[in-house]
N, C-alpha and C. Protein backbone atom coordinates (compact mmCIF):
# COMPACT_ATOMS: atom_id res chain seq x y z
N ASN A 1 94.11 82.02 -9.95
CA ASN A 1 94.94 81.25 -9.02
C ASN A 1 94.84 79.67 -9.47
N GLN A 2 94.06 79.22 -10.36
CA GLN A 2 93.82 77.97 -10.68
C GLN A 2 94.02 77.63 -12.26
N ALA A 3 94.48 76.44 -12.47
CA ALA A 3 94.68 76.35 -14.03
C ALA A 3 94.23 74.85 -14.36
N PRO A 4 93.87 74.57 -15.71
CA PRO A 4 93.37 72.97 -15.84
C PRO A 4 94.78 72.29 -15.83
N ALA A 5 94.64 71.13 -15.68
CA ALA A 5 95.83 70.27 -15.63
C ALA A 5 96.49 70.14 -16.80
N ALA A 6 97.82 70.16 -16.66
CA ALA A 6 98.95 70.36 -17.62
C ALA A 6 98.99 69.06 -18.53
N GLY A 7 99.40 69.43 -19.73
CA GLY A 7 99.54 68.19 -20.79
C GLY A 7 100.60 67.46 -20.59
N PRO A 8 101.21 66.49 -21.52
CA PRO A 8 102.45 65.76 -21.16
C PRO A 8 103.70 66.68 -21.46
N HIS A 9 103.61 68.00 -22.37
CA HIS A 9 104.73 68.38 -22.78
C HIS A 9 105.14 69.57 -22.02
N HIS A 10 103.97 70.05 -21.10
CA HIS A 10 104.44 71.07 -20.14
C HIS A 10 105.36 70.85 -19.03
N LYS A 11 106.65 71.40 -18.90
CA LYS A 11 107.40 70.89 -17.66
C LYS A 11 106.76 71.65 -16.55
N SER A 12 106.28 72.57 -16.51
CA SER A 12 105.74 73.53 -15.35
C SER A 12 105.11 74.50 -15.42
N LEU A 13 103.99 74.65 -14.97
CA LEU A 13 102.94 76.01 -15.16
C LEU A 13 102.90 76.74 -13.74
N PHE A 14 102.53 77.97 -14.08
CA PHE A 14 102.81 78.97 -12.93
C PHE A 14 101.57 79.46 -12.68
N CYS A 15 101.39 79.90 -11.48
CA CYS A 15 100.11 80.50 -10.81
C CYS A 15 99.76 81.72 -11.63
N SER A 16 98.51 81.96 -11.79
CA SER A 16 98.19 83.33 -12.49
C SER A 16 98.14 84.32 -11.38
N VAL A 17 98.05 84.05 -10.23
CA VAL A 17 97.88 85.17 -8.92
C VAL A 17 99.28 85.13 -8.48
N HIS A 18 100.06 84.07 -8.28
CA HIS A 18 101.31 84.15 -7.73
C HIS A 18 102.19 83.75 -8.80
N ARG A 19 102.47 84.68 -9.58
CA ARG A 19 103.28 84.27 -10.86
C ARG A 19 104.44 83.48 -10.79
N GLN A 20 105.32 83.73 -9.63
CA GLN A 20 106.57 83.01 -9.46
C GLN A 20 106.31 81.77 -8.81
N GLU A 21 105.20 81.25 -8.44
CA GLU A 21 104.89 80.02 -7.72
C GLU A 21 104.45 78.92 -8.74
N LYS A 22 105.07 77.94 -8.89
CA LYS A 22 104.44 76.76 -9.87
C LYS A 22 103.38 76.14 -9.32
N LEU A 23 102.50 75.74 -10.19
CA LEU A 23 101.30 74.92 -9.84
C LEU A 23 101.75 73.39 -9.39
N SER A 24 101.99 73.24 -8.07
CA SER A 24 102.47 72.01 -7.66
C SER A 24 101.72 71.12 -6.94
N LEU A 25 100.41 71.56 -6.62
CA LEU A 25 99.35 70.78 -5.77
C LEU A 25 98.29 70.50 -6.69
N PHE A 26 97.62 69.66 -6.20
CA PHE A 26 96.18 69.29 -6.82
C PHE A 26 95.10 69.53 -5.77
N CYS A 27 94.17 70.32 -5.77
CA CYS A 27 93.25 70.59 -4.73
C CYS A 27 92.09 69.66 -5.36
N GLU A 28 91.87 68.52 -4.59
CA GLU A 28 90.91 67.34 -4.89
C GLU A 28 89.47 67.94 -4.61
N THR A 29 89.39 68.95 -3.65
CA THR A 29 88.08 69.61 -3.48
C THR A 29 87.50 69.96 -4.85
N CYS A 30 88.27 70.96 -5.28
CA CYS A 30 87.97 71.80 -6.54
C CYS A 30 88.35 71.16 -7.86
N ASP A 31 88.79 70.16 -7.92
CA ASP A 31 89.60 69.59 -8.82
C ASP A 31 90.47 70.34 -9.77
N ARG A 32 91.25 70.97 -9.20
CA ARG A 32 92.02 72.15 -9.96
C ARG A 32 93.52 71.84 -9.42
N LEU A 33 94.63 72.38 -10.40
CA LEU A 33 95.95 72.66 -9.85
C LEU A 33 96.13 73.94 -9.23
N THR A 34 96.92 73.94 -8.30
CA THR A 34 97.13 75.27 -7.31
C THR A 34 98.55 75.30 -6.92
N CYS A 35 98.90 76.42 -6.71
CA CYS A 35 100.08 76.79 -6.13
C CYS A 35 100.15 76.60 -4.63
N ARG A 36 101.52 76.69 -3.92
CA ARG A 36 101.39 76.43 -2.35
C ARG A 36 100.70 77.47 -1.71
N ASP A 37 100.91 78.54 -2.31
CA ASP A 37 100.12 79.96 -1.62
C ASP A 37 98.76 79.92 -1.65
N CYS A 38 98.21 79.53 -2.99
CA CYS A 38 96.83 79.29 -3.18
C CYS A 38 96.10 78.32 -2.16
N GLN A 39 96.78 77.26 -2.07
CA GLN A 39 96.57 76.04 -1.20
C GLN A 39 96.47 76.54 0.19
N LEU A 40 97.24 77.39 0.63
CA LEU A 40 97.19 77.85 2.03
C LEU A 40 96.18 79.00 2.29
N SER A 41 95.80 79.67 1.18
CA SER A 41 94.76 80.68 1.45
C SER A 41 93.68 80.17 0.98
N ASP A 42 93.21 80.36 -0.58
CA ASP A 42 91.95 80.22 -1.06
C ASP A 42 91.40 78.61 -0.76
N HIS A 43 92.37 77.75 -0.58
CA HIS A 43 91.87 76.37 -0.72
C HIS A 43 92.55 75.73 0.80
N ARG A 44 92.42 76.57 1.83
CA ARG A 44 92.92 76.38 2.96
C ARG A 44 92.51 75.01 3.61
N ASP A 45 91.15 74.84 3.66
CA ASP A 45 90.55 73.65 4.27
C ASP A 45 90.28 72.49 3.37
N HIS A 46 90.65 72.48 2.07
CA HIS A 46 90.33 71.73 1.07
C HIS A 46 91.48 70.43 1.27
N LYS A 47 90.91 69.27 0.52
CA LYS A 47 91.71 68.27 0.72
C LYS A 47 92.60 68.16 -0.64
N TYR A 48 93.89 68.09 -0.41
CA TYR A 48 94.94 68.05 -1.66
C TYR A 48 95.90 67.11 -1.59
N LYS A 49 96.58 67.05 -2.93
CA LYS A 49 97.78 66.23 -3.08
C LYS A 49 98.91 66.77 -3.90
N PHE A 50 100.08 66.37 -3.81
CA PHE A 50 101.14 66.70 -4.77
C PHE A 50 100.71 66.25 -6.08
N ILE A 51 101.17 66.85 -7.19
CA ILE A 51 100.80 66.58 -8.52
C ILE A 51 101.42 65.27 -8.99
N ASN A 52 102.70 65.12 -8.33
CA ASN A 52 103.38 63.88 -8.70
C ASN A 52 102.73 62.47 -8.08
N GLU A 53 101.95 62.83 -7.07
CA GLU A 53 101.23 61.73 -6.06
C GLU A 53 99.76 61.46 -7.28
N ILE A 54 99.18 62.62 -7.68
CA ILE A 54 97.87 62.51 -8.50
C ILE A 54 98.44 61.81 -9.90
N ALA A 55 99.60 62.07 -10.32
CA ALA A 55 99.87 61.60 -11.59
C ALA A 55 100.21 60.17 -11.55
N ALA A 56 100.83 59.97 -10.22
CA ALA A 56 101.09 58.30 -10.19
C ALA A 56 99.75 57.49 -10.03
N GLU A 57 98.92 57.96 -9.01
CA GLU A 57 97.57 57.48 -8.94
C GLU A 57 96.80 57.39 -10.28
N THR A 58 96.90 58.41 -10.93
CA THR A 58 96.28 58.30 -12.41
C THR A 58 96.63 57.30 -13.28
N ARG A 59 98.04 57.33 -13.37
CA ARG A 59 98.64 56.21 -14.25
C ARG A 59 98.27 54.89 -13.64
N ASN A 60 98.42 54.57 -12.47
CA ASN A 60 98.02 53.46 -11.80
C ASN A 60 96.47 53.14 -12.33
N MET A 61 95.57 53.91 -12.17
CA MET A 61 94.23 53.63 -12.40
C MET A 61 94.05 53.45 -13.98
N ILE A 62 94.72 54.17 -14.81
CA ILE A 62 94.53 54.04 -16.17
C ILE A 62 95.13 52.72 -16.56
N SER A 63 96.31 52.23 -16.00
CA SER A 63 96.77 50.94 -16.12
C SER A 63 96.03 49.84 -15.61
N GLY A 64 95.13 50.10 -14.76
CA GLY A 64 94.21 49.03 -14.22
C GLY A 64 93.12 48.86 -15.22
N LEU A 65 92.61 50.11 -15.54
CA LEU A 65 91.47 50.14 -16.57
C LEU A 65 91.88 49.47 -17.85
N LEU A 66 93.11 49.62 -18.41
CA LEU A 66 93.60 49.14 -19.58
C LEU A 66 93.68 47.65 -19.14
N SER A 67 94.21 47.14 -18.28
CA SER A 67 94.21 45.48 -18.17
C SER A 67 92.73 45.19 -18.24
N GLU A 68 91.69 45.65 -17.30
CA GLU A 68 90.69 45.17 -17.25
C GLU A 68 89.83 45.18 -18.77
N VAL A 69 90.38 46.13 -19.46
CA VAL A 69 89.62 46.35 -20.91
C VAL A 69 90.26 45.18 -21.76
N SER A 70 91.63 45.02 -21.56
CA SER A 70 92.29 43.81 -22.38
C SER A 70 91.46 42.38 -22.13
N TYR A 71 91.10 42.45 -20.73
CA TYR A 71 90.69 41.04 -20.25
C TYR A 71 89.40 40.97 -20.94
N LYS A 72 88.57 41.92 -20.96
CA LYS A 72 87.28 41.86 -21.41
C LYS A 72 87.19 41.87 -22.85
N ARG A 73 88.24 42.40 -23.64
CA ARG A 73 88.39 42.08 -25.11
C ARG A 73 88.81 40.61 -25.36
N VAL A 74 89.54 40.01 -24.44
CA VAL A 74 89.60 38.36 -24.68
C VAL A 74 88.46 37.72 -24.56
N LEU A 75 87.66 38.10 -23.40
CA LEU A 75 86.52 37.25 -23.11
C LEU A 75 85.48 37.56 -24.15
N LEU A 76 85.30 38.98 -24.73
CA LEU A 76 84.50 39.19 -25.82
C LEU A 76 84.88 38.31 -27.01
N LYS A 77 86.04 38.28 -27.33
CA LYS A 77 86.32 37.70 -28.48
C LYS A 77 86.06 36.24 -28.27
N SER A 78 86.09 35.64 -27.32
CA SER A 78 86.12 34.11 -27.13
C SER A 78 84.57 33.93 -27.10
N ALA A 79 83.65 34.82 -26.59
CA ALA A 79 82.29 34.71 -26.61
C ALA A 79 81.54 34.84 -28.19
N MET A 80 82.43 35.85 -28.67
CA MET A 80 82.05 36.16 -30.15
C MET A 80 82.27 34.76 -30.97
N LYS A 81 83.37 34.09 -30.79
CA LYS A 81 83.91 32.84 -31.38
C LYS A 81 82.68 31.78 -31.23
N VAL A 82 82.22 31.56 -29.89
CA VAL A 82 81.19 30.56 -29.36
C VAL A 82 80.01 30.90 -30.18
N ILE A 83 79.61 32.30 -30.21
CA ILE A 83 78.50 32.58 -30.98
C ILE A 83 78.48 32.10 -32.42
N ASP A 84 79.60 32.61 -33.17
CA ASP A 84 79.97 32.28 -34.69
C ASP A 84 79.78 30.83 -34.86
N ASP A 85 80.47 29.83 -34.03
CA ASP A 85 80.23 28.49 -34.14
C ASP A 85 78.91 28.13 -34.09
N ARG A 86 78.20 28.54 -33.09
CA ARG A 86 76.77 28.06 -33.04
C ARG A 86 76.00 28.56 -34.10
N GLN A 87 76.25 29.68 -34.40
CA GLN A 87 75.53 29.90 -35.79
C GLN A 87 75.74 29.09 -36.82
N ASN A 88 77.10 28.69 -37.12
CA ASN A 88 77.38 27.98 -38.05
C ASN A 88 76.80 26.43 -38.06
N LEU A 89 76.84 25.92 -36.80
CA LEU A 89 75.99 24.68 -36.34
C LEU A 89 74.69 24.66 -36.54
N ILE A 90 73.98 25.90 -36.42
CA ILE A 90 72.62 26.05 -36.61
C ILE A 90 72.08 26.05 -38.23
N ILE A 91 73.10 26.57 -39.08
CA ILE A 91 72.85 26.69 -40.51
C ILE A 91 73.13 25.34 -41.25
N GLU A 92 74.07 24.55 -40.41
CA GLU A 92 74.29 23.10 -40.88
C GLU A 92 73.21 22.24 -40.54
N LYS A 93 72.76 22.45 -39.28
CA LYS A 93 71.43 21.66 -38.82
C LYS A 93 70.42 21.79 -39.73
N LYS A 94 70.03 23.01 -40.00
CA LYS A 94 68.98 23.44 -40.75
C LYS A 94 69.24 22.81 -42.23
N LYS A 95 70.34 22.66 -42.75
CA LYS A 95 70.52 22.15 -44.18
C LYS A 95 70.18 20.75 -44.02
N GLN A 96 70.67 20.13 -43.11
CA GLN A 96 70.33 18.53 -42.74
C GLN A 96 68.88 18.59 -42.64
N LEU A 97 68.33 19.17 -41.73
CA LEU A 97 66.72 18.95 -41.66
C LEU A 97 65.91 19.26 -42.79
N VAL A 98 66.51 20.18 -43.69
CA VAL A 98 65.56 20.37 -45.04
C VAL A 98 65.74 19.21 -45.86
N LYS A 99 66.92 18.61 -46.07
CA LYS A 99 67.17 17.45 -46.76
C LYS A 99 66.27 16.36 -46.26
N GLU A 100 66.33 16.13 -45.01
CA GLU A 100 65.52 14.84 -44.51
C GLU A 100 63.96 15.30 -44.43
N ILE A 101 63.65 16.46 -44.45
CA ILE A 101 62.12 16.56 -44.79
C ILE A 101 61.82 16.30 -46.06
N THR A 102 62.85 16.83 -46.98
CA THR A 102 62.49 16.80 -48.40
C THR A 102 62.36 15.19 -48.78
N GLN A 103 63.55 14.32 -48.19
CA GLN A 103 63.56 12.83 -48.41
C GLN A 103 62.25 12.15 -47.97
N MET A 104 61.83 12.58 -46.71
CA MET A 104 60.60 12.18 -46.34
C MET A 104 59.43 12.27 -47.00
N VAL A 105 59.20 13.62 -47.40
CA VAL A 105 58.13 13.89 -48.43
C VAL A 105 58.15 13.08 -49.92
N VAL A 106 59.40 12.83 -50.18
CA VAL A 106 59.35 11.94 -51.43
C VAL A 106 59.08 10.64 -51.14
N LYS A 107 59.61 10.12 -50.14
CA LYS A 107 59.13 8.71 -49.45
C LYS A 107 57.76 8.44 -49.28
N LEU A 108 57.00 9.40 -48.56
CA LEU A 108 55.86 9.36 -48.29
C LEU A 108 54.82 9.52 -49.41
N THR A 109 55.24 10.33 -50.55
CA THR A 109 54.58 10.74 -51.75
C THR A 109 54.49 9.35 -52.49
N ASN A 110 55.85 8.96 -52.56
CA ASN A 110 55.82 7.52 -53.46
C ASN A 110 55.24 6.38 -52.59
N THR A 111 55.30 6.37 -51.42
CA THR A 111 54.41 5.26 -50.58
C THR A 111 52.90 5.49 -51.08
N ILE A 112 52.50 6.77 -50.94
CA ILE A 112 51.09 7.12 -51.16
C ILE A 112 50.70 6.83 -52.53
N ASN A 113 51.40 7.31 -53.45
CA ASN A 113 51.02 6.85 -55.19
C ASN A 113 51.21 5.29 -55.15
N ALA A 114 52.05 4.49 -54.61
CA ALA A 114 51.84 3.19 -54.90
C ALA A 114 50.72 2.51 -54.08
N ARG A 115 50.29 3.13 -52.95
CA ARG A 115 49.15 2.49 -52.43
C ARG A 115 47.94 3.04 -53.19
N GLY A 116 47.96 4.07 -53.62
CA GLY A 116 46.66 4.65 -54.39
C GLY A 116 46.75 3.54 -55.69
N LYS A 117 47.81 3.19 -56.44
CA LYS A 117 47.80 2.15 -57.35
C LYS A 117 47.32 0.91 -57.09
N GLN A 118 47.73 0.47 -55.88
CA GLN A 118 47.27 -0.92 -55.22
C GLN A 118 45.62 -0.65 -55.27
N LEU A 119 45.18 0.21 -54.68
CA LEU A 119 43.85 0.58 -54.44
C LEU A 119 42.84 0.43 -55.73
N VAL A 120 43.47 1.13 -56.73
CA VAL A 120 42.77 1.12 -57.88
C VAL A 120 42.85 -0.40 -58.71
N VAL A 121 44.11 -0.88 -58.53
CA VAL A 121 43.92 -2.20 -59.13
C VAL A 121 43.11 -3.15 -58.34
N ARG A 122 43.01 -3.01 -56.95
CA ARG A 122 41.99 -3.93 -56.34
C ARG A 122 40.76 -3.53 -56.66
N LEU A 123 40.31 -2.26 -56.56
CA LEU A 123 39.01 -1.91 -57.08
C LEU A 123 38.57 -2.53 -58.49
N ASN A 124 39.49 -2.34 -59.32
CA ASN A 124 39.07 -3.06 -60.72
C ASN A 124 38.83 -4.33 -60.58
N GLU A 125 39.65 -5.22 -59.93
CA GLU A 125 39.58 -6.81 -59.60
C GLU A 125 38.10 -6.92 -58.84
N VAL A 126 37.74 -6.00 -58.11
CA VAL A 126 36.57 -6.36 -57.21
C VAL A 126 35.56 -6.04 -58.26
N CYS A 127 35.33 -4.91 -58.91
CA CYS A 127 34.53 -4.49 -59.96
C CYS A 127 34.36 -5.55 -61.01
N ASP A 128 35.48 -5.88 -61.61
CA ASP A 128 35.57 -6.88 -62.81
C ASP A 128 34.94 -8.00 -62.35
N GLY A 129 35.20 -8.71 -61.14
CA GLY A 129 34.87 -10.01 -60.56
C GLY A 129 33.32 -9.92 -60.42
N LYS A 130 32.77 -8.91 -60.16
CA LYS A 130 31.32 -8.85 -59.76
C LYS A 130 30.54 -8.69 -61.19
N GLN A 131 31.22 -8.16 -62.13
CA GLN A 131 30.71 -7.89 -63.57
C GLN A 131 30.36 -9.42 -64.20
N LYS A 132 31.38 -10.18 -63.76
CA LYS A 132 31.12 -11.60 -64.65
C LYS A 132 30.11 -12.49 -63.98
């Protein structure tokens, strides 16, 4: 007396119990298509709707969900661009800092070498001056 929901190519399905009755109702309690006779007997106190109402509600719900998904895709795309831009910024900053550190190390090394040479010259002057 019940059947699963019809696909888009089915014009009408008939009840397996009441063979001449179309499945024109949807029993919300049982989540099944039913015919008028089954709804009045086996599904008497159940909540039901006509299948065209259920189809319209389902279409509206799906349309709403699609809109929501489309909106979230736009947000996600925007967020991914921000992340990508930030990653590129980090890569560029890293290159710049490596260059600055390398330059600073070279400068400090040159300064230390120059100072070392000055100290050796001074040491030689002091030692040579004392020997005379």
